[in-house]
Amino acid sequence: MTSQSHVLAFVDAKLAYEIDAVAAAQAQASGGALIIDTRKQHSWNHGHIKGALHLSANSLDTQLATLPRDQTLIVYGWGPGCNGATPTARRLIIEGFNVRELIGGYEYWIRNGFPVEQEGQVAPRRTDPLVTAETHQY
């Protein structure tokens, strides 16, 4: 049986590592965070978070030196069923970056109504009432 202290340590670590879409959008808007899309090129081309940097696994080594060390790096993949951002997050943490992983990924960014870029155009989204009743202005 797991002790309460072990469970609390896990929950504390999860809270320190994961970030939801609302907090991520606020961190990006304040300049305190850079959002990083870790998906493949065709997924990036399909659409991505407005202002995100594309950093796929095969370009990680060549782009490490260009990443800011004075901002939190928020990584994301497709959605809750995708853990593609986790290996990139792990590598960035090993390299000494402050990293958080976006809960729900690209899917929950969209469902929260935050803007995405598709083919060079910013596309605002309607919120999904199953996710949030709020509207956001970022």
N, C-alpha and C. Protein backbone atom coordinates (compact mmCIF):
# COMPACT_ATOMS: atom_id res chain seq x y z
N MET A 1 0.84 -1.18 0.00
CA MET A 1 0.00 0.00 0.00
C MET A 1 0.89 1.25 0.00
N THR A 2 0.50 2.23 -0.76
CA THR A 2 1.25 3.47 -0.87
C THR A 2 0.89 4.39 0.28
N SER A 3 1.92 4.99 0.86
CA SER A 3 1.68 5.89 1.98
C SER A 3 1.12 7.23 1.51
N GLN A 4 0.47 7.91 2.42
CA GLN A 4 -0.09 9.22 2.09
C GLN A 4 1.02 10.18 1.66
N SER A 5 2.17 10.11 2.27
CA SER A 5 3.27 11.01 1.91
C SER A 5 3.76 10.75 0.49
N HIS A 6 3.76 9.49 0.06
CA HIS A 6 4.14 9.18 -1.32
C HIS A 6 3.11 9.71 -2.32
N VAL A 7 1.86 9.57 -1.98
CA VAL A 7 0.80 10.06 -2.86
C VAL A 7 0.86 11.58 -2.93
N LEU A 8 1.05 12.24 -1.81
CA LEU A 8 1.15 13.71 -1.81
C LEU A 8 2.38 14.18 -2.60
N ALA A 9 3.48 13.47 -2.49
CA ALA A 9 4.68 13.83 -3.26
C ALA A 9 4.41 13.71 -4.75
N PHE A 10 3.68 12.67 -5.14
CA PHE A 10 3.31 12.50 -6.55
C PHE A 10 2.42 13.65 -7.02
N VAL A 11 1.40 13.98 -6.23
CA VAL A 11 0.48 15.07 -6.59
C VAL A 11 1.24 16.40 -6.66
N ASP A 12 2.11 16.66 -5.72
CA ASP A 12 2.90 17.89 -5.74
C ASP A 12 3.78 17.97 -6.99
N ALA A 13 4.40 16.85 -7.35
CA ALA A 13 5.24 16.82 -8.55
C ALA A 13 4.40 17.03 -9.80
N LYS A 14 3.23 16.44 -9.84
CA LYS A 14 2.33 16.60 -10.98
C LYS A 14 1.91 18.06 -11.13
N LEU A 15 1.56 18.70 -10.03
CA LEU A 15 1.17 20.11 -10.06
C LEU A 15 2.32 21.01 -10.49
N ALA A 16 3.54 20.66 -10.14
CA ALA A 16 4.70 21.46 -10.51
C ALA A 16 5.07 21.27 -11.98
N TYR A 17 4.72 20.13 -12.55
CA TYR A 17 5.13 19.79 -13.91
C TYR A 17 4.06 20.10 -14.96
N GLU A 18 2.82 19.81 -14.68
CA GLU A 18 1.76 20.01 -15.66
C GLU A 18 1.19 21.43 -15.57
N ILE A 19 0.64 21.90 -16.69
CA ILE A 19 0.00 23.22 -16.73
C ILE A 19 -1.23 23.12 -17.63
N ASP A 20 -2.31 23.76 -17.21
CA ASP A 20 -3.51 23.72 -18.04
C ASP A 20 -3.48 24.83 -19.09
N ALA A 21 -4.41 24.77 -20.02
CA ALA A 21 -4.42 25.71 -21.15
C ALA A 21 -4.59 27.15 -20.70
N VAL A 22 -5.42 27.40 -19.71
CA VAL A 22 -5.65 28.77 -19.25
C VAL A 22 -4.36 29.34 -18.66
N ALA A 23 -3.72 28.60 -17.78
CA ALA A 23 -2.47 29.08 -17.18
C ALA A 23 -1.36 29.21 -18.22
N ALA A 24 -1.34 28.31 -19.20
CA ALA A 24 -0.33 28.38 -20.26
C ALA A 24 -0.54 29.62 -21.11
N ALA A 25 -1.78 29.92 -21.45
CA ALA A 25 -2.08 31.12 -22.24
C ALA A 25 -1.68 32.38 -21.48
N GLN A 26 -1.93 32.39 -20.18
CA GLN A 26 -1.55 33.55 -19.36
C GLN A 26 -0.03 33.68 -19.29
N ALA A 27 0.66 32.57 -19.13
CA ALA A 27 2.13 32.61 -19.06
C ALA A 27 2.72 33.07 -20.38
N GLN A 28 2.14 32.61 -21.50
CA GLN A 28 2.61 33.04 -22.82
C GLN A 28 2.36 34.54 -23.00
N ALA A 29 1.17 35.00 -22.64
CA ALA A 29 0.80 36.41 -22.82
C ALA A 29 1.69 37.33 -21.98
N SER A 30 2.12 36.88 -20.82
CA SER A 30 2.96 37.70 -19.94
C SER A 30 4.43 37.70 -20.36
N GLY A 31 4.78 36.83 -21.31
CA GLY A 31 6.16 36.72 -21.74
C GLY A 31 7.00 35.79 -20.89
N GLY A 32 6.37 35.14 -19.93
CA GLY A 32 7.10 34.24 -19.05
C GLY A 32 7.30 32.84 -19.58
N ALA A 33 6.67 32.55 -20.71
CA ALA A 33 6.75 31.18 -21.23
C ALA A 33 6.78 31.18 -22.75
N LEU A 34 7.46 30.18 -23.27
CA LEU A 34 7.46 29.88 -24.70
C LEU A 34 6.77 28.54 -24.87
N ILE A 35 5.76 28.51 -25.71
CA ILE A 35 5.02 27.27 -25.96
C ILE A 35 5.68 26.56 -27.14
N ILE A 36 5.91 25.25 -26.96
CA ILE A 36 6.63 24.46 -27.95
C ILE A 36 5.78 23.29 -28.43
N ASP A 37 5.57 23.25 -29.74
CA ASP A 37 4.84 22.17 -30.39
C ASP A 37 5.84 21.07 -30.73
N THR A 38 5.63 19.89 -30.20
CA THR A 38 6.57 18.78 -30.40
C THR A 38 6.10 17.79 -31.46
N ARG A 39 5.01 18.12 -32.14
CA ARG A 39 4.44 17.19 -33.12
C ARG A 39 5.24 17.19 -34.42
N LYS A 40 4.92 16.26 -35.28
CA LYS A 40 5.59 16.14 -36.58
C LYS A 40 5.21 17.32 -37.47
N GLN A 41 6.00 17.53 -38.52
CA GLN A 41 5.82 18.68 -39.40
C GLN A 41 4.41 18.75 -40.00
N HIS A 42 3.87 17.62 -40.45
CA HIS A 42 2.54 17.68 -41.06
C HIS A 42 1.46 18.06 -40.05
N SER A 43 1.66 17.71 -38.79
CA SER A 43 0.72 18.12 -37.74
C SER A 43 0.83 19.61 -37.48
N TRP A 44 2.06 20.12 -37.43
CA TRP A 44 2.30 21.56 -37.27
C TRP A 44 1.63 22.32 -38.42
N ASN A 45 1.80 21.83 -39.64
CA ASN A 45 1.21 22.49 -40.80
C ASN A 45 -0.31 22.50 -40.75
N HIS A 46 -0.88 21.48 -40.15
CA HIS A 46 -2.34 21.35 -40.01
C HIS A 46 -2.90 22.46 -39.12
N GLY A 47 -2.10 22.93 -38.18
CA GLY A 47 -2.49 23.98 -37.24
C GLY A 47 -1.70 23.84 -35.96
N HIS A 48 -1.44 24.97 -35.31
CA HIS A 48 -0.68 24.96 -34.07
C HIS A 48 -1.05 26.16 -33.22
N ILE A 49 -0.64 26.13 -31.97
CA ILE A 49 -0.93 27.22 -31.04
C ILE A 49 -0.28 28.50 -31.54
N LYS A 50 -1.04 29.57 -31.52
CA LYS A 50 -0.53 30.88 -31.96
C LYS A 50 0.71 31.24 -31.13
N GLY A 51 1.78 31.57 -31.83
CA GLY A 51 3.01 31.98 -31.17
C GLY A 51 3.91 30.84 -30.73
N ALA A 52 3.51 29.60 -31.01
CA ALA A 52 4.32 28.45 -30.60
C ALA A 52 5.55 28.30 -31.50
N LEU A 53 6.54 27.63 -30.98
CA LEU A 53 7.74 27.26 -31.72
C LEU A 53 7.62 25.78 -32.07
N HIS A 54 7.94 25.43 -33.30
CA HIS A 54 7.92 24.02 -33.69
C HIS A 54 9.26 23.40 -33.35
N LEU A 55 9.23 22.35 -32.55
CA LEU A 55 10.45 21.66 -32.13
C LEU A 55 10.16 20.16 -32.13
N SER A 56 10.24 19.55 -33.29
CA SER A 56 10.00 18.12 -33.38
C SER A 56 11.21 17.36 -32.84
N ALA A 57 11.03 16.10 -32.55
CA ALA A 57 12.10 15.29 -31.98
C ALA A 57 13.34 15.27 -32.85
N ASN A 58 13.17 15.27 -34.18
CA ASN A 58 14.34 15.19 -35.05
C ASN A 58 15.08 16.52 -35.20
N SER A 59 14.50 17.62 -34.69
CA SER A 59 15.21 18.91 -34.75
C SER A 59 15.69 19.38 -33.38
N LEU A 60 15.45 18.59 -32.37
CA LEU A 60 15.78 18.99 -31.00
C LEU A 60 17.27 19.30 -30.83
N ASP A 61 18.13 18.41 -31.30
CA ASP A 61 19.57 18.62 -31.12
C ASP A 61 20.06 19.92 -31.76
N THR A 62 19.55 20.24 -32.93
CA THR A 62 20.02 21.43 -33.64
C THR A 62 19.44 22.72 -33.08
N GLN A 63 18.32 22.65 -32.35
CA GLN A 63 17.68 23.87 -31.85
C GLN A 63 17.91 24.13 -30.36
N LEU A 64 18.53 23.21 -29.65
CA LEU A 64 18.73 23.38 -28.20
C LEU A 64 19.39 24.71 -27.86
N ALA A 65 20.42 25.08 -28.58
CA ALA A 65 21.17 26.30 -28.26
C ALA A 65 20.37 27.57 -28.49
N THR A 66 19.28 27.49 -29.25
CA THR A 66 18.49 28.68 -29.55
C THR A 66 17.34 28.89 -28.56
N LEU A 67 17.11 27.94 -27.68
CA LEU A 67 15.98 28.03 -26.75
C LEU A 67 16.30 28.96 -25.59
N PRO A 68 15.32 29.76 -25.17
CA PRO A 68 15.57 30.69 -24.06
C PRO A 68 15.66 29.98 -22.72
N ARG A 69 16.58 30.39 -21.92
CA ARG A 69 16.72 29.81 -20.58
C ARG A 69 16.05 30.67 -19.51
N ASP A 70 15.56 31.84 -19.92
CA ASP A 70 14.91 32.74 -18.97
C ASP A 70 13.38 32.65 -19.03
N GLN A 71 12.85 31.67 -19.75
CA GLN A 71 11.42 31.45 -19.84
C GLN A 71 11.12 29.99 -19.54
N THR A 72 9.90 29.75 -19.10
CA THR A 72 9.42 28.38 -18.95
C THR A 72 9.08 27.86 -20.34
N LEU A 73 9.49 26.65 -20.64
CA LEU A 73 9.16 26.02 -21.91
C LEU A 73 7.96 25.11 -21.67
N ILE A 74 6.86 25.40 -22.35
CA ILE A 74 5.64 24.60 -22.21
C ILE A 74 5.50 23.76 -23.47
N VAL A 75 5.63 22.45 -23.32
CA VAL A 75 5.58 21.54 -24.46
C VAL A 75 4.20 20.93 -24.60
N TYR A 76 3.83 20.64 -25.86
CA TYR A 76 2.54 19.98 -26.06
C TYR A 76 2.59 19.04 -27.26
N GLY A 77 1.66 18.08 -27.24
CA GLY A 77 1.41 17.16 -28.34
C GLY A 77 -0.04 17.32 -28.77
N TRP A 78 -0.61 16.26 -29.35
CA TRP A 78 -1.97 16.35 -29.88
C TRP A 78 -3.04 16.53 -28.81
N GLY A 79 -3.04 15.66 -27.81
CA GLY A 79 -4.12 15.71 -26.83
C GLY A 79 -3.86 14.77 -25.68
N PRO A 80 -4.89 14.51 -24.88
CA PRO A 80 -4.69 13.68 -23.70
C PRO A 80 -4.29 12.24 -24.01
N GLY A 81 -4.57 11.77 -25.21
CA GLY A 81 -4.19 10.41 -25.58
C GLY A 81 -2.82 10.32 -26.21
N CYS A 82 -2.08 11.42 -26.21
CA CYS A 82 -0.77 11.48 -26.86
C CYS A 82 0.28 11.88 -25.83
N ASN A 83 1.32 11.08 -25.73
CA ASN A 83 2.40 11.47 -24.82
C ASN A 83 3.67 11.84 -25.60
N GLY A 84 3.49 12.28 -26.84
CA GLY A 84 4.61 12.63 -27.69
C GLY A 84 5.47 13.77 -27.16
N ALA A 85 4.89 14.65 -26.34
CA ALA A 85 5.66 15.77 -25.79
C ALA A 85 6.54 15.33 -24.62
N THR A 86 6.23 14.22 -24.00
CA THR A 86 6.93 13.80 -22.79
C THR A 86 8.41 13.50 -23.02
N PRO A 87 8.81 12.78 -24.08
CA PRO A 87 10.25 12.57 -24.30
C PRO A 87 11.00 13.89 -24.55
N THR A 88 10.37 14.82 -25.25
CA THR A 88 11.01 16.12 -25.48
C THR A 88 11.15 16.86 -24.16
N ALA A 89 10.10 16.84 -23.35
CA ALA A 89 10.16 17.48 -22.03
C ALA A 89 11.28 16.88 -21.19
N ARG A 90 11.39 15.58 -21.20
CA ARG A 90 12.44 14.91 -20.42
C ARG A 90 13.82 15.37 -20.85
N ARG A 91 14.03 15.41 -22.15
CA ARG A 91 15.33 15.84 -22.68
C ARG A 91 15.63 17.29 -22.30
N LEU A 92 14.63 18.16 -22.42
CA LEU A 92 14.83 19.56 -22.07
C LEU A 92 15.14 19.74 -20.58
N ILE A 93 14.49 18.95 -19.74
CA ILE A 93 14.77 19.00 -18.30
C ILE A 93 16.21 18.56 -18.04
N ILE A 94 16.65 17.49 -18.69
CA ILE A 94 18.04 17.02 -18.54
C ILE A 94 19.01 18.12 -18.95
N GLU A 95 18.65 18.89 -19.98
CA GLU A 95 19.51 19.97 -20.48
C GLU A 95 19.44 21.22 -19.61
N GLY A 96 18.64 21.19 -18.54
CA GLY A 96 18.60 22.29 -17.58
C GLY A 96 17.52 23.33 -17.80
N PHE A 97 16.56 23.06 -18.68
CA PHE A 97 15.48 24.01 -18.92
C PHE A 97 14.36 23.83 -17.91
N ASN A 98 13.63 24.91 -17.65
CA ASN A 98 12.43 24.87 -16.83
C ASN A 98 11.28 24.48 -17.76
N VAL A 99 10.69 23.31 -17.56
CA VAL A 99 9.73 22.74 -18.50
C VAL A 99 8.43 22.38 -17.81
N ARG A 100 7.34 22.62 -18.50
CA ARG A 100 6.01 22.16 -18.08
C ARG A 100 5.34 21.53 -19.29
N GLU A 101 4.45 20.60 -19.03
CA GLU A 101 3.73 19.94 -20.12
C GLU A 101 2.27 20.37 -20.09
N LEU A 102 1.75 20.76 -21.26
CA LEU A 102 0.39 21.24 -21.39
C LEU A 102 -0.60 20.09 -21.26
N ILE A 103 -1.45 20.15 -20.25
CA ILE A 103 -2.47 19.12 -20.06
C ILE A 103 -3.47 19.20 -21.21
N GLY A 104 -3.70 18.09 -21.86
CA GLY A 104 -4.67 18.03 -22.95
C GLY A 104 -4.13 18.46 -24.30
N GLY A 105 -2.91 19.00 -24.32
CA GLY A 105 -2.25 19.34 -25.56
C GLY A 105 -3.03 20.30 -26.45
N TYR A 106 -2.77 20.17 -27.74
CA TYR A 106 -3.38 21.02 -28.75
C TYR A 106 -4.91 20.95 -28.69
N GLU A 107 -5.43 19.76 -28.47
CA GLU A 107 -6.88 19.58 -28.43
C GLU A 107 -7.52 20.47 -27.37
N TYR A 108 -6.97 20.50 -26.16
CA TYR A 108 -7.60 21.27 -25.10
C TYR A 108 -7.30 22.77 -25.22
N TRP A 109 -6.24 23.13 -25.90
CA TRP A 109 -6.01 24.54 -26.22
C TRP A 109 -7.17 25.03 -27.10
N ILE A 110 -7.49 24.25 -28.13
CA ILE A 110 -8.59 24.59 -29.03
C ILE A 110 -9.92 24.58 -28.29
N ARG A 111 -10.16 23.56 -27.51
CA ARG A 111 -11.44 23.44 -26.81
C ARG A 111 -11.65 24.57 -25.81
N ASN A 112 -10.56 25.16 -25.32
CA ASN A 112 -10.66 26.31 -24.43
C ASN A 112 -10.87 27.62 -25.19
N GLY A 113 -10.81 27.56 -26.51
CA GLY A 113 -11.10 28.73 -27.32
C GLY A 113 -9.92 29.64 -27.60
N PHE A 114 -8.71 29.17 -27.36
CA PHE A 114 -7.53 30.00 -27.60
C PHE A 114 -7.15 29.96 -29.08
N PRO A 115 -6.50 31.02 -29.57
CA PRO A 115 -6.21 31.11 -31.00
C PRO A 115 -5.14 30.13 -31.47
N VAL A 116 -5.34 29.68 -32.70
CA VAL A 116 -4.38 28.82 -33.36
C VAL A 116 -4.01 29.44 -34.70
N GLU A 117 -2.88 29.01 -35.24
CA GLU A 117 -2.44 29.45 -36.55
C GLU A 117 -2.57 28.30 -37.52
N GLN A 118 -3.14 28.60 -38.68
CA GLN A 118 -3.25 27.63 -39.76
C GLN A 118 -2.92 28.35 -41.05
N GLU A 119 -1.92 27.84 -41.74
CA GLU A 119 -1.50 28.42 -43.03
C GLU A 119 -1.26 29.92 -42.93
N GLY A 120 -0.58 30.33 -41.85
CA GLY A 120 -0.22 31.74 -41.68
C GLY A 120 -1.34 32.63 -41.19
N GLN A 121 -2.52 32.09 -40.96
CA GLN A 121 -3.66 32.88 -40.49
C GLN A 121 -3.99 32.50 -39.05
N VAL A 122 -4.32 33.50 -38.24
CA VAL A 122 -4.73 33.24 -36.87
C VAL A 122 -6.23 32.97 -36.88
N ALA A 123 -6.60 31.85 -36.31
CA ALA A 123 -8.00 31.44 -36.29
C ALA A 123 -8.49 31.35 -34.84
N PRO A 124 -9.29 32.34 -34.40
CA PRO A 124 -9.86 32.21 -33.05
C PRO A 124 -10.87 31.07 -33.03
N ARG A 125 -11.03 30.47 -31.89
CA ARG A 125 -11.93 29.32 -31.76
C ARG A 125 -13.02 29.62 -30.75
N ARG A 126 -14.16 28.99 -30.94
CA ARG A 126 -15.23 29.07 -29.94
C ARG A 126 -14.89 28.09 -28.83
N THR A 127 -15.28 28.45 -27.61
CA THR A 127 -15.02 27.56 -26.49
C THR A 127 -15.98 26.38 -26.52
N ASP A 128 -15.50 25.29 -25.98
CA ASP A 128 -16.31 24.09 -25.83
C ASP A 128 -16.93 24.15 -24.44
N PRO A 129 -18.26 24.20 -24.32
CA PRO A 129 -18.88 24.34 -23.00
C PRO A 129 -18.62 23.15 -22.08
N LEU A 130 -18.16 22.04 -22.62
CA LEU A 130 -17.81 20.90 -21.77
C LEU A 130 -16.46 21.10 -21.08
N VAL A 131 -15.68 22.06 -21.59
CA VAL A 131 -14.35 22.31 -21.04
C VAL A 131 -14.33 23.60 -20.21
N THR A 132 -14.96 24.65 -20.73
CA THR A 132 -14.96 25.92 -20.02
C THR A 132 -16.18 26.74 -20.42
N ALA A 133 -16.65 27.56 -19.51
CA ALA A 133 -17.73 28.48 -19.82
C ALA A 133 -17.18 29.88 -20.03
N GLU A 134 -15.87 30.02 -19.91
CA GLU A 134 -15.22 31.33 -20.03
C GLU A 134 -14.89 31.65 -21.47
N THR A 135 -14.77 32.93 -21.76
CA THR A 135 -14.20 33.36 -23.01
C THR A 135 -12.89 34.04 -22.68
N HIS A 136 -11.92 33.94 -23.55
CA HIS A 136 -10.57 34.43 -23.28
C HIS A 136 -10.18 35.45 -24.34
N GLN A 137 -9.49 36.47 -23.91
CA GLN A 137 -9.01 37.50 -24.81
C GLN A 137 -7.49 37.54 -24.75
N TYR A 138 -6.82 36.75 -25.58
CA TYR A 138 -5.34 36.75 -25.61
C TYR A 138 -4.88 36.99 -27.01
